[in-house]
Amino acid sequence: LWTINGVLIFAGQPLLAYIVKFFKSLSSQMY
């Protein structure tokens, strides 16, 4: 599970960048 955690953190950056486009403020990202 922790191996998957590490792989996702690295490989999931493009998806994360896409998500952040919709949740632009830092507070909305925290929510």
PDB file of all heavy atoms in Angstrom:
ATOM      1  N   LEU A   1       0.825  -1.207   0.000  1.00  0.00           N
ATOM      2  CA  LEU A   1       0.000   0.000   0.000  1.00  0.00           C
ATOM      3  C   LEU A   1       0.861   1.259   0.000  1.00  0.00           C
ATOM      4  O   LEU A   1       0.543   2.240  -0.678  1.00  0.00           O
ATOM      5  CB  LEU A   1      -0.922   0.012   1.224  1.00  0.00           C
ATOM      6  CG  LEU A   1      -2.019  -1.058   1.281  1.00  0.00           C
ATOM      7  CD1 LEU A   1      -2.799  -0.921   2.588  1.00  0.00           C
ATOM      8  CD2 LEU A   1      -2.950  -0.950   0.083  1.00  0.00           C
ATOM      9  N   TRP A   2       1.962   1.241   0.756  1.00  0.00           N
ATOM     10  CA  TRP A   2       2.837   2.416   0.811  1.00  0.00           C
ATOM     11  C   TRP A   2       3.680   2.547  -0.448  1.00  0.00           C
ATOM     12  O   TRP A   2       4.053   3.656  -0.849  1.00  0.00           O
ATOM     13  CB  TRP A   2       3.719   2.358   2.059  1.00  0.00           C
ATOM     14  CG  TRP A   2       2.908   2.585   3.284  1.00  0.00           C
ATOM     15  CD1 TRP A   2       2.548   1.670   4.227  1.00  0.00           C
ATOM     16  CD2 TRP A   2       2.297   3.817   3.682  1.00  0.00           C
ATOM     17  NE1 TRP A   2       1.761   2.245   5.185  1.00  0.00           N
ATOM     18  CE2 TRP A   2       1.593   3.564   4.888  1.00  0.00           C
ATOM     19  CE3 TRP A   2       2.280   5.098   3.163  1.00  0.00           C
ATOM     20  CZ2 TRP A   2       0.878   4.553   5.558  1.00  0.00           C
ATOM     21  CZ3 TRP A   2       1.574   6.086   3.831  1.00  0.00           C
ATOM     22  CH2 TRP A   2       0.886   5.811   5.007  1.00  0.00           C
ATOM     23  N   THR A   3       3.959   1.426  -1.095  1.00  0.00           N
ATOM     24  CA  THR A   3       4.611   1.494  -2.411  1.00  0.00           C
ATOM     25  C   THR A   3       3.683   2.179  -3.407  1.00  0.00           C
ATOM     26  O   THR A   3       4.104   3.050  -4.181  1.00  0.00           O
ATOM     27  CB  THR A   3       4.964   0.084  -2.913  1.00  0.00           C
ATOM     28  OG1 THR A   3       5.793  -0.560  -1.947  1.00  0.00           O
ATOM     29  CG2 THR A   3       5.680   0.153  -4.247  1.00  0.00           C
ATOM     30  N   ILE A   4       2.408   1.790  -3.368  1.00  0.00           N
ATOM     31  CA  ILE A   4       1.413   2.412  -4.249  1.00  0.00           C
ATOM     32  C   ILE A   4       1.281   3.900  -3.920  1.00  0.00           C
ATOM     33  O   ILE A   4       1.162   4.743  -4.820  1.00  0.00           O
ATOM     34  CB  ILE A   4       0.057   1.688  -4.102  1.00  0.00           C
ATOM     35  CG1 ILE A   4       0.171   0.267  -4.679  1.00  0.00           C
ATOM     36  CG2 ILE A   4      -1.064   2.459  -4.803  1.00  0.00           C
ATOM     37  CD1 ILE A   4      -1.004  -0.622  -4.349  1.00  0.00           C
ATOM     38  N   ASN A   5       1.312   4.227  -2.632  1.00  0.00           N
ATOM     39  CA  ASN A   5       1.274   5.630  -2.207  1.00  0.00           C
ATOM     40  C   ASN A   5       2.395   6.431  -2.862  1.00  0.00           C
ATOM     41  O   ASN A   5       2.166   7.518  -3.426  1.00  0.00           O
ATOM     42  CB  ASN A   5       1.380   5.680  -0.678  1.00  0.00           C
ATOM     43  CG  ASN A   5       1.532   7.091  -0.133  1.00  0.00           C
ATOM     44  OD1 ASN A   5       2.652   7.594   0.014  1.00  0.00           O
ATOM     45  ND2 ASN A   5       0.426   7.735   0.186  1.00  0.00           N
ATOM     46  N   GLY A   6       3.620   5.906  -2.822  1.00  0.00           N
ATOM     47  CA  GLY A   6       4.765   6.603  -3.402  1.00  0.00           C
ATOM     48  C   GLY A   6       4.666   6.731  -4.906  1.00  0.00           C
ATOM     49  O   GLY A   6       4.979   7.777  -5.484  1.00  0.00           O
ATOM     50  N   VAL A   7       4.217   5.655  -5.569  1.00  0.00           N
ATOM     51  CA  VAL A   7       4.087   5.686  -7.032  1.00  0.00           C
ATOM     52  C   VAL A   7       3.023   6.701  -7.447  1.00  0.00           C
ATOM     53  O   VAL A   7       3.207   7.469  -8.405  1.00  0.00           O
ATOM     54  CB  VAL A   7       3.737   4.283  -7.566  1.00  0.00           C
ATOM     55  CG1 VAL A   7       3.362   4.339  -9.046  1.00  0.00           C
ATOM     56  CG2 VAL A   7       4.911   3.334  -7.366  1.00  0.00           C
ATOM     57  N   LEU A   8       1.902   6.725  -6.727  1.00  0.00           N
ATOM     58  CA  LEU A   8       0.831   7.666  -7.056  1.00  0.00           C
ATOM     59  C   LEU A   8       1.271   9.119  -6.900  1.00  0.00           C
ATOM     60  O   LEU A   8       0.908   9.976  -7.697  1.00  0.00           O
ATOM     61  CB  LEU A   8      -0.388   7.401  -6.171  1.00  0.00           C
ATOM     62  CG  LEU A   8      -1.384   6.345  -6.632  1.00  0.00           C
ATOM     63  CD1 LEU A   8      -2.485   6.167  -5.588  1.00  0.00           C
ATOM     64  CD2 LEU A   8      -1.991   6.710  -7.981  1.00  0.00           C
ATOM     65  N   ILE A   9       2.030   9.387  -5.835  1.00  0.00           N
ATOM     66  CA  ILE A   9       2.497  10.755  -5.601  1.00  0.00           C
ATOM     67  C   ILE A   9       3.340  11.233  -6.772  1.00  0.00           C
ATOM     68  O   ILE A   9       3.242  12.394  -7.201  1.00  0.00           O
ATOM     69  CB  ILE A   9       3.277  10.834  -4.280  1.00  0.00           C
ATOM     70  CG1 ILE A   9       2.316  10.714  -3.095  1.00  0.00           C
ATOM     71  CG2 ILE A   9       4.073  12.135  -4.179  1.00  0.00           C
ATOM     72  CD1 ILE A   9       2.990  10.539  -1.759  1.00  0.00           C
ATOM     73  N   PHE A  10       4.150  10.347  -7.321  1.00  0.00           N
ATOM     74  CA  PHE A  10       5.012  10.721  -8.450  1.00  0.00           C
ATOM     75  C   PHE A  10       4.234  10.732  -9.769  1.00  0.00           C
ATOM     76  O   PHE A  10       4.280  11.716 -10.509  1.00  0.00           O
ATOM     77  CB  PHE A  10       6.183   9.747  -8.543  1.00  0.00           C
ATOM     78  CG  PHE A  10       7.152  10.079  -9.648  1.00  0.00           C
ATOM     79  CD1 PHE A  10       7.983  11.177  -9.538  1.00  0.00           C
ATOM     80  CD2 PHE A  10       7.221   9.301 -10.792  1.00  0.00           C
ATOM     81  CE1 PHE A  10       8.873  11.507 -10.550  1.00  0.00           C
ATOM     82  CE2 PHE A  10       8.108   9.616 -11.808  1.00  0.00           C
ATOM     83  CZ  PHE A  10       8.938  10.721 -11.683  1.00  0.00           C
ATOM     84  N   ALA A  11       3.500   9.650 -10.036  1.00  0.00           N
ATOM     85  CA  ALA A  11       2.824   9.512 -11.329  1.00  0.00           C
ATOM     86  C   ALA A  11       1.539  10.329 -11.411  1.00  0.00           C
ATOM     87  O   ALA A  11       1.063  10.630 -12.510  1.00  0.00           O
ATOM     88  CB  ALA A  11       2.516   8.038 -11.600  1.00  0.00           C
ATOM     89  N   GLY A  12       0.962  10.692 -10.263  1.00  0.00           N
ATOM     90  CA  GLY A  12      -0.317  11.388 -10.272  1.00  0.00           C
ATOM     91  C   GLY A  12      -0.215  12.893 -10.385  1.00  0.00           C
ATOM     92  O   GLY A  12      -1.243  13.579 -10.293  1.00  0.00           O
ATOM     93  N   GLN A  13       0.999  13.431 -10.598  1.00  0.00           N
ATOM     94  CA  GLN A  13       1.150  14.880 -10.674  1.00  0.00           C
ATOM     95  C   GLN A  13       0.365  15.528 -11.822  1.00  0.00           C
ATOM     96  O   GLN A  13      -0.219  16.600 -11.634  1.00  0.00           O
ATOM     97  CB  GLN A  13       2.632  15.249 -10.761  1.00  0.00           C
ATOM     98  CG  GLN A  13       3.423  14.968  -9.493  1.00  0.00           C
ATOM     99  CD  GLN A  13       2.858  15.665  -8.274  1.00  0.00           C
ATOM    100  OE1 GLN A  13       2.600  16.868  -8.295  1.00  0.00           O
ATOM    101  NE2 GLN A  13       2.651  14.908  -7.201  1.00  0.00           N
ATOM    102  N   PRO A  14       0.317  14.924 -13.031  1.00  0.00           N
ATOM    103  CA  PRO A  14      -0.503  15.547 -14.083  1.00  0.00           C
ATOM    104  C   PRO A  14      -1.980  15.641 -13.697  1.00  0.00           C
ATOM    105  O   PRO A  14      -2.624  16.663 -13.948  1.00  0.00           O
ATOM    106  CB  PRO A  14      -0.301  14.606 -15.285  1.00  0.00           C
ATOM    107  CG  PRO A  14       1.022  13.966 -15.036  1.00  0.00           C
ATOM    108  CD  PRO A  14       1.102  13.784 -13.568  1.00  0.00           C
ATOM    109  N   LEU A  15      -2.516  14.576 -13.079  1.00  0.00           N
ATOM    110  CA  LEU A  15      -3.909  14.616 -12.636  1.00  0.00           C
ATOM    111  C   LEU A  15      -4.095  15.658 -11.535  1.00  0.00           C
ATOM    112  O   LEU A  15      -5.101  16.381 -11.520  1.00  0.00           O
ATOM    113  CB  LEU A  15      -4.331  13.232 -12.143  1.00  0.00           C
ATOM    114  CG  LEU A  15      -5.764  13.118 -11.587  1.00  0.00           C
ATOM    115  CD1 LEU A  15      -6.784  13.543 -12.629  1.00  0.00           C
ATOM    116  CD2 LEU A  15      -6.037  11.684 -11.115  1.00  0.00           C
ATOM    117  N   LEU A  16      -3.123  15.751 -10.649  1.00  0.00           N
ATOM    118  CA  LEU A  16      -3.205  16.743  -9.578  1.00  0.00           C
ATOM    119  C   LEU A  16      -3.220  18.159 -10.154  1.00  0.00           C
ATOM    120  O   LEU A  16      -3.985  19.020  -9.700  1.00  0.00           O
ATOM    121  CB  LEU A  16      -2.022  16.579  -8.625  1.00  0.00           C
ATOM    122  CG  LEU A  16      -2.002  17.532  -7.425  1.00  0.00           C
ATOM    123  CD1 LEU A  16      -3.150  17.230  -6.475  1.00  0.00           C
ATOM    124  CD2 LEU A  16      -0.675  17.429  -6.688  1.00  0.00           C
ATOM    125  N   ALA A  17      -2.372  18.409 -11.159  1.00  0.00           N
ATOM    126  CA  ALA A  17      -2.345  19.725 -11.796  1.00  0.00           C
ATOM    127  C   ALA A  17      -3.703  20.055 -12.414  1.00  0.00           C
ATOM    128  O   ALA A  17      -4.158  21.207 -12.370  1.00  0.00           O
ATOM    129  CB  ALA A  17      -1.248  19.763 -12.858  1.00  0.00           C
ATOM    130  N   TYR A  18      -4.362  19.043 -12.969  1.00  0.00           N
ATOM    131  CA  TYR A  18      -5.698  19.237 -13.560  1.00  0.00           C
ATOM    132  C   TYR A  18      -6.718  19.579 -12.477  1.00  0.00           C
ATOM    133  O   TYR A  18      -7.548  20.477 -12.645  1.00  0.00           O
ATOM    134  CB  TYR A  18      -6.107  17.966 -14.298  1.00  0.00           C
ATOM    135  CG  TYR A  18      -7.451  18.041 -14.975  1.00  0.00           C
ATOM    136  CD1 TYR A  18      -7.608  18.732 -16.177  1.00  0.00           C
ATOM    137  CD2 TYR A  18      -8.572  17.429 -14.409  1.00  0.00           C
ATOM    138  CE1 TYR A  18      -8.849  18.804 -16.806  1.00  0.00           C
ATOM    139  CE2 TYR A  18      -9.813  17.495 -15.020  1.00  0.00           C
ATOM    140  CZ  TYR A  18      -9.946  18.181 -16.214  1.00  0.00           C
ATOM    141  OH  TYR A  18     -11.173  18.258 -16.830  1.00  0.00           O
ATOM    142  N   ILE A  19      -6.628  18.895 -11.335  1.00  0.00           N
ATOM    143  CA  ILE A  19      -7.542  19.161 -10.220  1.00  0.00           C
ATOM    144  C   ILE A  19      -7.351  20.574  -9.686  1.00  0.00           C
ATOM    145  O   ILE A  19      -8.310  21.292  -9.403  1.00  0.00           O
ATOM    146  CB  ILE A  19      -7.333  18.123  -9.101  1.00  0.00           C
ATOM    147  CG1 ILE A  19      -7.757  16.731  -9.580  1.00  0.00           C
ATOM    148  CG2 ILE A  19      -8.108  18.507  -7.845  1.00  0.00           C
ATOM    149  CD1 ILE A  19      -7.402  15.619  -8.606  1.00  0.00           C
ATOM    150  N   VAL A  20      -6.089  20.980  -9.553  1.00  0.00           N
ATOM    151  CA  VAL A  20      -5.768  22.295  -8.981  1.00  0.00           C
ATOM    152  C   VAL A  20      -6.313  23.430  -9.865  1.00  0.00           C
ATOM    153  O   VAL A  20      -6.599  24.521  -9.369  1.00  0.00           O
ATOM    154  CB  VAL A  20      -4.246  22.416  -8.759  1.00  0.00           C
ATOM    155  CG1 VAL A  20      -3.833  23.847  -8.441  1.00  0.00           C
ATOM    156  CG2 VAL A  20      -3.802  21.485  -7.633  1.00  0.00           C
ATOM    157  N   LYS A  21      -6.474  23.170 -11.165  1.00  0.00           N
ATOM    158  CA  LYS A  21      -7.049  24.190 -12.041  1.00  0.00           C
ATOM    159  C   LYS A  21      -8.466  24.559 -11.624  1.00  0.00           C
ATOM    160  O   LYS A  21      -8.913  25.695 -11.808  1.00  0.00           O
ATOM    161  CB  LYS A  21      -7.057  23.686 -13.490  1.00  0.00           C
ATOM    162  CG  LYS A  21      -5.686  23.668 -14.154  1.00  0.00           C
ATOM    163  CD  LYS A  21      -5.790  23.198 -15.592  1.00  0.00           C
ATOM    164  CE  LYS A  21      -4.424  23.159 -16.255  1.00  0.00           C
ATOM    165  NZ  LYS A  21      -4.507  22.674 -17.665  1.00  0.00           N
ATOM    166  N   PHE A  22      -9.199  23.581 -11.078  1.00  0.00           N
ATOM    167  CA  PHE A  22     -10.575  23.822 -10.658  1.00  0.00           C
ATOM    168  C   PHE A  22     -10.669  24.300  -9.211  1.00  0.00           C
ATOM    169  O   PHE A  22     -11.623  24.958  -8.833  1.00  0.00           O
ATOM    170  CB  PHE A  22     -11.407  22.542 -10.834  1.00  0.00           C
ATOM    171  CG  PHE A  22     -11.598  22.157 -12.271  1.00  0.00           C
ATOM    172  CD1 PHE A  22     -10.748  21.252 -12.877  1.00  0.00           C
ATOM    173  CD2 PHE A  22     -12.621  22.722 -13.033  1.00  0.00           C
ATOM    174  CE1 PHE A  22     -10.913  20.903 -14.210  1.00  0.00           C
ATOM    175  CE2 PHE A  22     -12.790  22.375 -14.372  1.00  0.00           C
ATOM    176  CZ  PHE A  22     -11.935  21.466 -14.967  1.00  0.00           C
ATOM    177  N   PHE A  23      -9.669  23.925  -8.413  1.00  0.00           N
ATOM    178  CA  PHE A  23      -9.625  24.355  -7.012  1.00  0.00           C
ATOM    179  C   PHE A  23      -8.398  25.251  -6.852  1.00  0.00           C
ATOM    180  O   PHE A  23      -7.383  24.847  -6.313  1.00  0.00           O
ATOM    181  CB  PHE A  23      -9.545  23.143  -6.083  1.00  0.00           C
ATOM    182  CG  PHE A  23     -10.756  22.255  -6.132  1.00  0.00           C
ATOM    183  CD1 PHE A  23     -10.856  21.245  -7.078  1.00  0.00           C
ATOM    184  CD2 PHE A  23     -11.801  22.438  -5.243  1.00  0.00           C
ATOM    185  CE1 PHE A  23     -11.973  20.436  -7.124  1.00  0.00           C
ATOM    186  CE2 PHE A  23     -12.916  21.625  -5.279  1.00  0.00           C
ATOM    187  CZ  PHE A  23     -13.007  20.616  -6.232  1.00  0.00           C
ATOM    188  N   LYS A  24      -8.517  26.476  -7.337  1.00  0.00           N
ATOM    189  CA  LYS A  24      -7.348  27.327  -7.485  1.00  0.00           C
ATOM    190  C   LYS A  24      -6.836  27.871  -6.165  1.00  0.00           C
ATOM    191  O   LYS A  24      -5.625  27.971  -5.960  1.00  0.00           O
ATOM    192  CB  LYS A  24      -7.667  28.490  -8.441  1.00  0.00           C
ATOM    193  CG  LYS A  24      -7.886  28.023  -9.884  1.00  0.00           C
ATOM    194  CD  LYS A  24      -8.091  29.209 -10.800  1.00  0.00           C
ATOM    195  CE  LYS A  24      -8.254  28.746 -12.245  1.00  0.00           C
ATOM    196  NZ  LYS A  24      -8.431  29.888 -13.166  1.00  0.00           N
ATOM    197  N   SER A  25      -7.712  28.257  -5.266  1.00  0.00           N
ATOM    198  CA  SER A  25      -7.243  28.829  -4.006  1.00  0.00           C
ATOM    199  C   SER A  25      -6.725  27.727  -3.094  1.00  0.00           C
ATOM    200  O   SER A  25      -7.177  26.578  -3.148  1.00  0.00           O
ATOM    201  CB  SER A  25      -8.365  29.594  -3.315  1.00  0.00           C
ATOM    202  OG  SER A  25      -9.345  28.704  -2.831  1.00  0.00           O
ATOM    203  N   LEU A  26      -5.775  28.088  -2.249  1.00  0.00           N
ATOM    204  CA  LEU A  26      -5.218  27.111  -1.322  1.00  0.00           C
ATOM    205  C   LEU A  26      -6.265  26.613  -0.337  1.00  0.00           C
ATOM    206  O   LEU A  26      -6.261  25.445   0.044  1.00  0.00           O
ATOM    207  CB  LEU A  26      -4.036  27.728  -0.575  1.00  0.00           C
ATOM    208  CG  LEU A  26      -2.782  27.959  -1.422  1.00  0.00           C
ATOM    209  CD1 LEU A  26      -1.747  28.763  -0.632  1.00  0.00           C
ATOM    210  CD2 LEU A  26      -2.183  26.648  -1.883  1.00  0.00           C
ATOM    211  N   SER A  27      -7.180  27.488   0.075  1.00  0.00           N
ATOM    212  CA  SER A  27      -8.213  27.053   1.018  1.00  0.00           C
ATOM    213  C   SER A  27      -9.128  26.006   0.389  1.00  0.00           C
ATOM    214  O   SER A  27      -9.491  25.016   1.043  1.00  0.00           O
ATOM    215  CB  SER A  27      -9.033  28.248   1.505  1.00  0.00           C
ATOM    216  OG  SER A  27      -9.594  28.959   0.425  1.00  0.00           O
ATOM    217  N   SER A  28      -9.492  26.169  -0.881  1.00  0.00           N
ATOM    218  CA  SER A  28     -10.355  25.177  -1.536  1.00  0.00           C
ATOM    219  C   SER A  28      -9.624  23.845  -1.694  1.00  0.00           C
ATOM    220  O   SER A  28     -10.236  22.773  -1.602  1.00  0.00           O
ATOM    221  CB  SER A  28     -10.827  25.695  -2.898  1.00  0.00           C
ATOM    222  OG  SER A  28      -9.737  25.854  -3.795  1.00  0.00           O
ATOM    223  N   GLN A  29      -8.306  23.893  -1.899  1.00  0.00           N
ATOM    224  CA  GLN A  29      -7.528  22.650  -1.964  1.00  0.00           C
ATOM    225  C   GLN A  29      -7.500  21.957  -0.604  1.00  0.00           C
ATOM    226  O   GLN A  29      -7.542  20.729  -0.517  1.00  0.00           O
ATOM    227  CB  GLN A  29      -6.114  22.955  -2.436  1.00  0.00           C
ATOM    228  CG  GLN A  29      -6.042  23.421  -3.888  1.00  0.00           C
ATOM    229  CD  GLN A  29      -4.679  23.962  -4.265  1.00  0.00           C
ATOM    230  OE1 GLN A  29      -3.665  23.519  -3.746  1.00  0.00           O
ATOM    231  NE2 GLN A  29      -4.655  24.930  -5.168  1.00  0.00           N
ATOM    232  N   MET A  30      -7.449  22.738   0.469  1.00  0.00           N
ATOM    233  CA  MET A  30      -7.492  22.153   1.814  1.00  0.00           C
ATOM    234  C   MET A  30      -8.843  21.507   2.078  1.00  0.00           C
ATOM    235  O   MET A  30      -8.923  20.424   2.670  1.00  0.00           O
ATOM    236  CB  MET A  30      -7.205  23.227   2.859  1.00  0.00           C
ATOM    237  CG  MET A  30      -5.790  23.762   2.833  1.00  0.00           C
ATOM    238  SD  MET A  30      -5.608  25.118   4.031  1.00  0.00           S
ATOM    239  CE  MET A  30      -4.238  26.006   3.300  1.00  0.00           C
ATOM    240  N   TYR A  31      -9.929  22.165   1.650  1.00  0.00           N
ATOM    241  CA  TYR A  31     -11.254  21.576   1.839  1.00  0.00           C
ATOM    242  C   TYR A  31     -11.350  20.236   1.099  1.00  0.00           C
ATOM    243  O   TYR A  31     -11.859  19.253   1.648  1.00  0.00           O
ATOM    244  CB  TYR A  31     -12.351  22.511   1.306  1.00  0.00           C
ATOM    245  CG  TYR A  31     -12.413  23.864   1.959  1.00  0.00           C
ATOM    246  CD1 TYR A  31     -12.860  24.970   1.250  1.00  0.00           C
ATOM    247  CD2 TYR A  31     -12.040  24.054   3.285  1.00  0.00           C
ATOM    248  CE1 TYR A  31     -12.927  26.224   1.842  1.00  0.00           C
ATOM    249  CE2 TYR A  31     -12.100  25.298   3.883  1.00  0.00           C
ATOM    250  CZ  TYR A  31     -12.541  26.387   3.152  1.00  0.00           C
ATOM    251  OH  TYR A  31     -12.596  27.632   3.735  1.00  0.00           O
TER     252      TYR A  31
END
